[in-house]
Amino acid sequence: MAKVFVVKQPHQADLKAIMVNAEHKADLLFAEVRQEYQAKDDTLWYFVDQEHKATVKIFWVDREHQADLKLFKVDAEHKAKWRTSHPRRGRL
């Protein structure tokens, strides 16, 4: 279940992430859900406003080579999926 908190410093993060501009560049296609209870698996994300509620803490980076995870946001839950084999799979 992906309840995501965005941290302000890289050392506070579980992983560094970047949003890419095309699906084929992403490791993970994710959909953002509106309610916390809808967060599911690694693919349906809910952004929390308090760190202690998070299952994963991310830091946004500016360059792809800095990222542990490349993300692309999709507009429907059924499109959300892993595109690549990744060490973080099942751990968000």
Protein backbone atom coordinates (compact mmCIF):
# COMPACT_ATOMS: atom_id res chain seq x y z
CA MET A 1 0.00 0.00 0.00
CA ALA A 2 1.58 3.25 -1.10
CA LYS A 3 0.98 6.07 1.32
CA VAL A 4 3.58 8.57 0.20
CA PHE A 5 5.17 11.42 2.09
CA VAL A 6 7.44 13.87 0.28
CA VAL A 7 10.47 14.88 2.34
CA LYS A 8 12.54 18.04 1.98
CA GLN A 9 16.01 16.51 2.21
CA PRO A 10 17.41 13.50 0.31
CA HIS A 11 18.84 11.86 3.44
CA GLN A 12 15.31 11.68 4.94
CA ALA A 13 13.95 9.64 2.00
CA ASP A 14 13.50 5.92 1.51
CA LEU A 15 14.05 6.56 -2.17
CA LYS A 16 14.73 9.34 -4.64
CA ALA A 17 12.21 9.67 -7.45
CA ILE A 18 11.66 11.59 -10.65
CA MET A 19 8.61 12.10 -12.81
CA VAL A 20 9.41 11.26 -16.43
CA ASN A 21 7.57 12.63 -19.45
CA ALA A 22 6.74 9.34 -21.16
CA GLU A 23 5.43 5.94 -20.05
CA HIS A 24 8.23 4.02 -21.77
CA LYS A 25 10.85 5.84 -19.65
CA ALA A 26 9.20 4.89 -16.32
CA ASP A 27 9.88 2.02 -13.95
CA LEU A 28 6.42 2.47 -12.43
CA LEU A 29 3.15 3.83 -13.75
CA PHE A 30 1.13 5.03 -10.77
CA ALA A 31 -2.31 6.52 -10.22
CA GLU A 32 -3.04 8.99 -7.45
CA VAL A 33 -6.14 8.15 -5.43
CA ARG A 34 -8.33 10.63 -3.56
CA GLN A 35 -8.84 8.74 -0.32
CA GLU A 36 -6.27 7.10 1.96
CA TYR A 37 -8.16 3.79 2.10
CA GLN A 38 -7.88 3.51 -1.71
CA ALA A 39 -4.08 3.27 -1.61
CA LYS A 40 -3.24 -0.24 -2.76
CA ASP A 41 -0.12 -2.19 -3.66
CA ASP A 42 2.68 -0.14 -5.22
CA THR A 43 0.58 1.36 -7.98
CA LEU A 44 -2.21 3.33 -6.30
CA TRP A 45 -0.70 6.22 -4.39
CA TYR A 46 -2.12 8.47 -1.73
CA PHE A 47 0.01 11.43 -0.66
CA VAL A 48 -0.14 11.93 3.10
CA ASP A 49 0.60 15.18 4.91
CA GLN A 50 2.20 13.64 7.99
CA GLU A 51 5.36 11.54 7.91
CA HIS A 52 4.19 8.98 10.47
CA LYS A 53 1.25 8.01 8.21
CA ALA A 54 3.52 7.13 5.29
CA THR A 55 4.55 3.69 4.08
CA VAL A 56 7.27 5.30 1.95
CA LYS A 57 9.11 8.61 2.00
CA ILE A 58 10.31 10.07 -1.28
CA PHE A 59 12.49 12.94 -2.34
CA TRP A 60 11.97 14.46 -5.79
CA VAL A 61 15.17 14.81 -7.81
CA ASP A 62 15.77 16.88 -10.95
CA ARG A 63 17.79 14.44 -13.03
CA GLU A 64 17.05 10.86 -14.06
CA HIS A 65 20.52 9.59 -13.12
CA GLN A 66 19.89 10.71 -9.50
CA ALA A 67 16.65 8.73 -9.17
CA ASP A 68 16.12 5.33 -7.59
CA LEU A 69 12.69 5.20 -9.21
CA LYS A 70 11.36 6.72 -12.44
CA LEU A 71 7.64 7.47 -12.29
CA PHE A 72 4.87 8.30 -14.72
CA LYS A 73 1.44 9.34 -13.45
CA VAL A 74 -1.48 7.74 -15.27
CA ASP A 75 -5.06 8.97 -15.30
CA ALA A 76 -6.80 5.68 -14.49
CA GLU A 77 -6.22 3.03 -11.84
CA HIS A 78 -6.32 0.13 -14.34
CA LYS A 79 -3.33 1.63 -16.21
CA ALA A 80 -1.13 1.67 -13.09
CA LYS A 81 1.57 -1.02 -13.13
CA TRP A 82 5.25 -1.79 -12.89
CA ARG A 83 6.97 -1.57 -16.26
CA THR A 84 10.29 -3.03 -15.15
CA SER A 85 11.67 -5.50 -12.65
CA HIS A 86 12.76 -3.32 -9.73
CA PRO A 87 14.22 -3.91 -6.24
CA ARG A 88 11.45 -1.76 -4.69
CA ARG A 89 8.67 -3.84 -6.23
CA GLY A 90 6.24 -4.86 -3.48
CA ARG A 91 7.92 -2.56 -0.95
CA LEU A 92 6.14 0.75 -1.31
